Amino acid sequence: MKFTRRRLVLSGLAVLAVVWVGYLTAVIAAEPEPGADSAEQLRGRLATALADRDAAGLAGLLDYPKADRDDFAQSYVEDLGEAGVRDVRVSVRGDLAVVDGVLRDGGPFTYALSIRESGGRWTAGFSPPVP
């Protein structure tokens, strides 16, 4: 078989495509599952993410569609900042994580998030609006 410039270029492109697909597969497979190892760990990490306005930390705890998780978390922590939320505390009560704290004007707020365990990972569901 004679190697022409065209065959060499096409072969190179085919090899690059295979390498790229392999790389993407490895990256996706190595991505950790969202959530925490226990309800107590979820409580602590959720409290820290909300208090620190840590969008990446919050995204890693969400029971939310993967494609929208990062955008939702970023928007959520921005809303917390705009509301002047401080002194955030989280407690676990059965299948709920109860979030409470203080708003900019000094008024208290409280809301509950559903939590669930699936496959050994605990996640939080964010359906209520930011206070």
N, C-alpha and C. Protein backbone atom coordinates (compact mmCIF):
# COMPACT_ATOMS: atom_id res chain seq x y z
N MET A 1 0.84 -1.17 0.00
CA MET A 1 0.00 0.00 0.00
C MET A 1 0.89 1.23 0.00
N LYS A 2 0.61 2.13 -0.87
CA LYS A 2 1.41 3.34 -1.02
C LYS A 2 0.86 4.43 -0.07
N PHE A 3 1.75 5.05 0.68
CA PHE A 3 1.34 6.14 1.58
C PHE A 3 1.41 7.45 0.83
N THR A 4 0.26 8.01 0.65
CA THR A 4 0.20 9.32 0.02
C THR A 4 -0.03 10.35 1.11
N ARG A 5 0.15 11.56 0.75
CA ARG A 5 -0.06 12.64 1.71
C ARG A 5 -1.50 12.62 2.24
N ARG A 6 -2.43 12.36 1.34
CA ARG A 6 -3.84 12.33 1.73
C ARG A 6 -4.11 11.21 2.73
N ARG A 7 -3.58 10.01 2.48
CA ARG A 7 -3.77 8.89 3.41
C ARG A 7 -3.12 9.18 4.76
N LEU A 8 -1.98 9.79 4.73
CA LEU A 8 -1.29 10.13 5.97
C LEU A 8 -2.11 11.12 6.80
N VAL A 9 -2.65 12.13 6.16
CA VAL A 9 -3.48 13.13 6.86
C VAL A 9 -4.74 12.49 7.41
N LEU A 10 -5.41 11.67 6.60
CA LEU A 10 -6.64 11.01 7.06
C LEU A 10 -6.35 10.05 8.21
N SER A 11 -5.24 9.34 8.12
CA SER A 11 -4.86 8.44 9.21
C SER A 11 -4.58 9.22 10.48
N GLY A 12 -3.90 10.32 10.35
CA GLY A 12 -3.62 11.17 11.50
C GLY A 12 -4.90 11.70 12.13
N LEU A 13 -5.84 12.13 11.33
CA LEU A 13 -7.13 12.62 11.83
C LEU A 13 -7.91 11.51 12.54
N ALA A 14 -7.86 10.31 11.98
CA ALA A 14 -8.55 9.18 12.61
C ALA A 14 -7.94 8.87 13.97
N VAL A 15 -6.63 8.89 14.06
CA VAL A 15 -5.96 8.65 15.34
C VAL A 15 -6.32 9.73 16.35
N LEU A 16 -6.32 10.98 15.92
CA LEU A 16 -6.71 12.08 16.82
C LEU A 16 -8.14 11.93 17.31
N ALA A 17 -9.04 11.52 16.45
CA ALA A 17 -10.44 11.33 16.83
C ALA A 17 -10.56 10.23 17.89
N VAL A 18 -9.85 9.13 17.69
CA VAL A 18 -9.89 8.03 18.66
C VAL A 18 -9.31 8.48 20.00
N VAL A 19 -8.22 9.20 19.98
CA VAL A 19 -7.60 9.70 21.21
C VAL A 19 -8.56 10.66 21.92
N TRP A 20 -9.21 11.54 21.18
CA TRP A 20 -10.14 12.52 21.76
C TRP A 20 -11.33 11.81 22.43
N VAL A 21 -11.90 10.84 21.77
CA VAL A 21 -13.02 10.08 22.35
C VAL A 21 -12.56 9.34 23.61
N GLY A 22 -11.39 8.77 23.57
CA GLY A 22 -10.85 8.10 24.75
C GLY A 22 -10.63 9.06 25.91
N TYR A 23 -10.11 10.23 25.61
CA TYR A 23 -9.90 11.25 26.64
C TYR A 23 -11.23 11.68 27.27
N LEU A 24 -12.23 11.96 26.45
CA LEU A 24 -13.53 12.37 26.98
C LEU A 24 -14.16 11.27 27.83
N THR A 25 -14.03 10.05 27.41
CA THR A 25 -14.56 8.92 28.18
C THR A 25 -13.87 8.84 29.55
N ALA A 26 -12.58 9.01 29.58
CA ALA A 26 -11.84 8.95 30.85
C ALA A 26 -12.22 10.11 31.78
N VAL A 27 -12.39 11.29 31.23
CA VAL A 27 -12.77 12.45 32.04
C VAL A 27 -14.16 12.26 32.64
N ILE A 28 -15.10 11.79 31.84
CA ILE A 28 -16.47 11.57 32.33
C ILE A 28 -16.50 10.47 33.37
N ALA A 29 -15.76 9.40 33.15
CA ALA A 29 -15.75 8.29 34.10
C ALA A 29 -15.10 8.68 35.42
N ALA A 30 -14.16 9.61 35.39
CA ALA A 30 -13.45 10.00 36.61
C ALA A 30 -14.20 11.06 37.42
N GLU A 31 -15.24 11.66 36.85
CA GLU A 31 -15.98 12.70 37.56
C GLU A 31 -16.72 12.07 38.75
N PRO A 32 -16.53 12.62 39.94
CA PRO A 32 -17.18 12.03 41.11
C PRO A 32 -18.69 12.23 41.08
N GLU A 33 -19.39 11.31 41.70
CA GLU A 33 -20.84 11.43 41.82
C GLU A 33 -21.14 12.57 42.78
N PRO A 34 -22.22 13.32 42.53
CA PRO A 34 -22.57 14.40 43.46
C PRO A 34 -23.02 13.85 44.80
N GLY A 35 -22.91 14.67 45.82
CA GLY A 35 -23.42 14.29 47.12
C GLY A 35 -22.33 14.08 48.14
N ALA A 36 -22.75 13.61 49.29
CA ALA A 36 -21.88 13.36 50.43
C ALA A 36 -22.04 11.92 50.89
N ASP A 37 -21.10 11.45 51.69
CA ASP A 37 -21.12 10.06 52.15
C ASP A 37 -22.17 9.78 53.21
N SER A 38 -22.63 10.82 53.92
CA SER A 38 -23.63 10.64 54.98
C SER A 38 -24.49 11.89 55.07
N ALA A 39 -25.61 11.77 55.76
CA ALA A 39 -26.49 12.93 55.95
C ALA A 39 -25.76 14.01 56.76
N GLU A 40 -24.98 13.59 57.72
CA GLU A 40 -24.24 14.56 58.54
C GLU A 40 -23.17 15.28 57.72
N GLN A 41 -22.48 14.55 56.87
CA GLN A 41 -21.49 15.19 56.00
C GLN A 41 -22.18 16.14 55.02
N LEU A 42 -23.33 15.75 54.51
CA LEU A 42 -24.10 16.63 53.63
C LEU A 42 -24.47 17.91 54.37
N ARG A 43 -24.93 17.79 55.60
CA ARG A 43 -25.30 18.95 56.40
C ARG A 43 -24.13 19.91 56.54
N GLY A 44 -22.97 19.40 56.91
CA GLY A 44 -21.79 20.24 57.10
C GLY A 44 -21.32 20.90 55.81
N ARG A 45 -21.26 20.13 54.75
CA ARG A 45 -20.80 20.68 53.46
C ARG A 45 -21.79 21.67 52.88
N LEU A 46 -23.09 21.41 53.09
CA LEU A 46 -24.12 22.33 52.63
C LEU A 46 -24.04 23.66 53.39
N ALA A 47 -23.88 23.58 54.70
CA ALA A 47 -23.76 24.80 55.51
C ALA A 47 -22.54 25.61 55.08
N THR A 48 -21.42 24.96 54.85
CA THR A 48 -20.20 25.65 54.44
C THR A 48 -20.37 26.28 53.06
N ALA A 49 -20.93 25.54 52.12
CA ALA A 49 -21.11 26.06 50.76
C ALA A 49 -22.03 27.28 50.75
N LEU A 50 -23.11 27.23 51.50
CA LEU A 50 -24.05 28.35 51.54
C LEU A 50 -23.44 29.55 52.25
N ALA A 51 -22.78 29.32 53.38
CA ALA A 51 -22.18 30.42 54.13
C ALA A 51 -21.05 31.09 53.37
N ASP A 52 -20.26 30.29 52.64
CA ASP A 52 -19.10 30.81 51.91
C ASP A 52 -19.44 31.24 50.48
N ARG A 53 -20.69 31.07 50.07
CA ARG A 53 -21.12 31.38 48.69
C ARG A 53 -20.26 30.60 47.69
N ASP A 54 -20.04 29.33 48.01
CA ASP A 54 -19.19 28.45 47.21
C ASP A 54 -20.06 27.70 46.19
N ALA A 55 -20.14 28.22 44.98
CA ALA A 55 -20.98 27.62 43.95
C ALA A 55 -20.51 26.21 43.58
N ALA A 56 -19.22 26.01 43.46
CA ALA A 56 -18.71 24.69 43.09
C ALA A 56 -19.00 23.67 44.20
N GLY A 57 -18.83 24.09 45.45
CA GLY A 57 -19.14 23.21 46.58
C GLY A 57 -20.61 22.86 46.63
N LEU A 58 -21.46 23.84 46.36
CA LEU A 58 -22.90 23.61 46.36
C LEU A 58 -23.29 22.69 45.20
N ALA A 59 -22.74 22.93 44.02
CA ALA A 59 -23.07 22.11 42.85
C ALA A 59 -22.77 20.64 43.10
N GLY A 60 -21.73 20.36 43.85
CA GLY A 60 -21.35 18.98 44.14
C GLY A 60 -22.28 18.27 45.11
N LEU A 61 -23.28 18.98 45.64
CA LEU A 61 -24.21 18.39 46.61
C LEU A 61 -25.63 18.28 46.08
N LEU A 62 -25.86 18.77 44.89
CA LEU A 62 -27.22 18.90 44.38
C LEU A 62 -27.78 17.64 43.73
N ASP A 63 -29.03 17.38 44.03
CA ASP A 63 -29.81 16.38 43.33
C ASP A 63 -30.52 17.15 42.22
N TYR A 64 -29.78 17.42 41.17
CA TYR A 64 -30.22 18.33 40.12
C TYR A 64 -29.64 17.82 38.81
N PRO A 65 -30.30 18.04 37.70
CA PRO A 65 -29.75 17.54 36.43
C PRO A 65 -28.31 18.01 36.20
N LYS A 66 -27.47 17.10 35.82
CA LYS A 66 -26.04 17.37 35.66
C LYS A 66 -25.76 18.56 34.74
N ALA A 67 -26.51 18.66 33.66
CA ALA A 67 -26.27 19.71 32.68
C ALA A 67 -26.51 21.10 33.25
N ASP A 68 -27.37 21.22 34.24
CA ASP A 68 -27.74 22.53 34.79
C ASP A 68 -27.19 22.79 36.19
N ARG A 69 -26.53 21.81 36.77
CA ARG A 69 -26.11 21.88 38.18
C ARG A 69 -25.21 23.09 38.46
N ASP A 70 -24.18 23.33 37.66
CA ASP A 70 -23.24 24.42 37.92
C ASP A 70 -23.91 25.79 37.77
N ASP A 71 -24.70 25.95 36.72
CA ASP A 71 -25.38 27.24 36.52
C ASP A 71 -26.37 27.52 37.64
N PHE A 72 -27.11 26.49 38.07
CA PHE A 72 -28.07 26.67 39.15
C PHE A 72 -27.35 27.09 40.43
N ALA A 73 -26.26 26.39 40.77
CA ALA A 73 -25.52 26.69 41.99
C ALA A 73 -24.95 28.11 41.95
N GLN A 74 -24.40 28.51 40.81
CA GLN A 74 -23.85 29.87 40.69
C GLN A 74 -24.94 30.91 40.89
N SER A 75 -26.07 30.72 40.26
CA SER A 75 -27.19 31.65 40.40
C SER A 75 -27.68 31.70 41.84
N TYR A 76 -27.73 30.55 42.48
CA TYR A 76 -28.23 30.46 43.85
C TYR A 76 -27.34 31.23 44.82
N VAL A 77 -26.03 31.04 44.72
CA VAL A 77 -25.14 31.75 45.65
C VAL A 77 -25.12 33.25 45.35
N GLU A 78 -25.29 33.63 44.09
CA GLU A 78 -25.40 35.05 43.77
C GLU A 78 -26.65 35.65 44.41
N ASP A 79 -27.76 34.91 44.38
CA ASP A 79 -28.99 35.37 45.03
C ASP A 79 -28.81 35.49 46.54
N LEU A 80 -28.07 34.56 47.13
CA LEU A 80 -27.79 34.66 48.57
C LEU A 80 -27.03 35.94 48.88
N GLY A 81 -26.05 36.26 48.05
CA GLY A 81 -25.27 37.48 48.25
C GLY A 81 -26.13 38.72 48.10
N GLU A 82 -27.00 38.74 47.10
CA GLU A 82 -27.87 39.89 46.89
C GLU A 82 -28.84 40.08 48.04
N ALA A 83 -29.27 38.98 48.67
CA ALA A 83 -30.19 39.06 49.81
C ALA A 83 -29.45 39.39 51.10
N GLY A 84 -28.12 39.40 51.06
CA GLY A 84 -27.34 39.71 52.25
C GLY A 84 -27.43 38.63 53.32
N VAL A 85 -27.56 37.39 52.89
CA VAL A 85 -27.70 36.28 53.82
C VAL A 85 -26.41 36.09 54.62
N ARG A 86 -26.59 35.88 55.94
CA ARG A 86 -25.43 35.61 56.83
C ARG A 86 -25.86 34.66 57.94
N ASP A 87 -24.91 34.22 58.70
CA ASP A 87 -25.16 33.31 59.82
C ASP A 87 -25.99 32.09 59.41
N VAL A 88 -25.59 31.47 58.32
CA VAL A 88 -26.33 30.31 57.80
C VAL A 88 -26.04 29.09 58.65
N ARG A 89 -27.11 28.37 59.01
CA ARG A 89 -27.02 27.11 59.73
C ARG A 89 -27.87 26.09 59.01
N VAL A 90 -27.45 24.84 59.06
CA VAL A 90 -28.21 23.76 58.43
C VAL A 90 -28.34 22.64 59.45
N SER A 91 -29.55 22.14 59.60
CA SER A 91 -29.78 20.98 60.46
C SER A 91 -30.53 19.92 59.65
N VAL A 92 -30.34 18.68 60.01
CA VAL A 92 -31.01 17.58 59.33
C VAL A 92 -32.12 17.06 60.23
N ARG A 93 -33.30 16.99 59.67
CA ARG A 93 -34.47 16.48 60.39
C ARG A 93 -35.16 15.47 59.49
N GLY A 94 -34.83 14.22 59.70
CA GLY A 94 -35.41 13.17 58.86
C GLY A 94 -34.92 13.29 57.43
N ASP A 95 -35.86 13.46 56.51
CA ASP A 95 -35.48 13.58 55.10
C ASP A 95 -35.47 15.04 54.64
N LEU A 96 -35.24 15.95 55.59
CA LEU A 96 -35.15 17.38 55.27
C LEU A 96 -33.86 17.97 55.81
N ALA A 97 -33.32 18.91 55.07
CA ALA A 97 -32.24 19.76 55.56
C ALA A 97 -32.89 21.13 55.78
N VAL A 98 -32.89 21.60 57.01
CA VAL A 98 -33.51 22.88 57.33
C VAL A 98 -32.41 23.94 57.36
N VAL A 99 -32.56 24.93 56.49
CA VAL A 99 -31.59 26.01 56.37
C VAL A 99 -32.18 27.24 57.03
N ASP A 100 -31.42 27.84 57.92
CA ASP A 100 -31.88 29.10 58.51
C ASP A 100 -30.71 30.04 58.65
N GLY A 101 -31.02 31.32 58.77
CA GLY A 101 -30.00 32.34 58.88
C GLY A 101 -30.64 33.70 59.03
N VAL A 102 -29.85 34.71 58.72
CA VAL A 102 -30.28 36.10 58.90
C VAL A 102 -30.10 36.84 57.57
N LEU A 103 -31.11 37.65 57.23
CA LEU A 103 -31.06 38.48 56.04
C LEU A 103 -30.34 39.79 56.33
N ARG A 104 -30.05 40.56 55.31
CA ARG A 104 -29.35 41.84 55.43
C ARG A 104 -30.02 42.75 56.45
N ASP A 105 -31.35 42.80 56.45
CA ASP A 105 -32.07 43.70 57.35
C ASP A 105 -32.19 43.16 58.78
N GLY A 106 -31.60 42.00 59.03
CA GLY A 106 -31.63 41.42 60.38
C GLY A 106 -32.76 40.44 60.59
N GLY A 107 -33.66 40.32 59.62
CA GLY A 107 -34.77 39.39 59.75
C GLY A 107 -34.32 37.95 59.53
N PRO A 108 -34.92 37.03 60.25
CA PRO A 108 -34.56 35.62 60.10
C PRO A 108 -35.25 35.01 58.87
N PHE A 109 -34.68 33.94 58.38
CA PHE A 109 -35.33 33.15 57.32
C PHE A 109 -35.08 31.69 57.60
N THR A 110 -36.00 30.87 57.15
CA THR A 110 -35.89 29.41 57.28
C THR A 110 -36.58 28.77 56.09
N TYR A 111 -35.97 27.73 55.56
CA TYR A 111 -36.63 26.91 54.55
C TYR A 111 -36.06 25.51 54.61
N ALA A 112 -36.83 24.58 54.09
CA ALA A 112 -36.43 23.17 54.14
C ALA A 112 -36.15 22.67 52.72
N LEU A 113 -35.14 21.84 52.61
CA LEU A 113 -34.77 21.18 51.37
C LEU A 113 -34.92 19.68 51.56
N SER A 114 -35.38 19.01 50.55
CA SER A 114 -35.44 17.56 50.66
C SER A 114 -34.03 17.01 50.49
N ILE A 115 -33.74 15.97 51.25
CA ILE A 115 -32.47 15.25 51.08
C ILE A 115 -32.79 13.79 50.83
N ARG A 116 -31.91 13.14 50.10
CA ARG A 116 -32.15 11.73 49.85
C ARG A 116 -30.83 11.00 49.68
N GLU A 117 -30.89 9.72 49.94
CA GLU A 117 -29.74 8.85 49.76
C GLU A 117 -30.00 7.95 48.57
N SER A 118 -29.03 7.86 47.69
CA SER A 118 -29.13 6.98 46.53
C SER A 118 -27.74 6.47 46.20
N GLY A 119 -27.60 5.18 46.20
CA GLY A 119 -26.32 4.57 45.88
C GLY A 119 -25.22 4.95 46.85
N GLY A 120 -25.58 5.18 48.11
CA GLY A 120 -24.59 5.54 49.12
C GLY A 120 -24.21 7.00 49.13
N ARG A 121 -24.85 7.83 48.32
CA ARG A 121 -24.56 9.27 48.25
C ARG A 121 -25.79 10.06 48.68
N TRP A 122 -25.58 11.05 49.53
CA TRP A 122 -26.64 11.93 50.02
C TRP A 122 -26.60 13.24 49.24
N THR A 123 -27.77 13.65 48.72
CA THR A 123 -27.86 14.90 47.95
C THR A 123 -29.03 15.74 48.46
N ALA A 124 -28.98 17.03 48.12
CA ALA A 124 -30.04 17.97 48.50
C ALA A 124 -30.79 18.41 47.26
N GLY A 125 -32.10 18.52 47.39
CA GLY A 125 -32.95 19.01 46.30
C GLY A 125 -33.35 20.45 46.56
N PHE A 126 -33.05 21.33 45.63
CA PHE A 126 -33.36 22.75 45.78
C PHE A 126 -34.58 23.12 44.96
N SER A 127 -35.73 23.07 45.56
CA SER A 127 -36.90 23.53 44.84
C SER A 127 -37.47 24.83 45.38
N PRO A 128 -37.28 25.17 46.66
CA PRO A 128 -37.83 26.46 47.11
C PRO A 128 -36.94 27.62 46.64
N PRO A 129 -37.52 28.81 46.52
CA PRO A 129 -36.72 29.97 46.12
C PRO A 129 -35.82 30.45 47.25
N VAL A 130 -34.83 31.23 46.92
CA VAL A 130 -33.98 31.85 47.94
C VAL A 130 -34.87 32.82 48.73
N PRO A 131 -34.69 32.90 50.05
CA PRO A 131 -35.54 33.78 50.87
C PRO A 131 -35.45 35.23 50.43
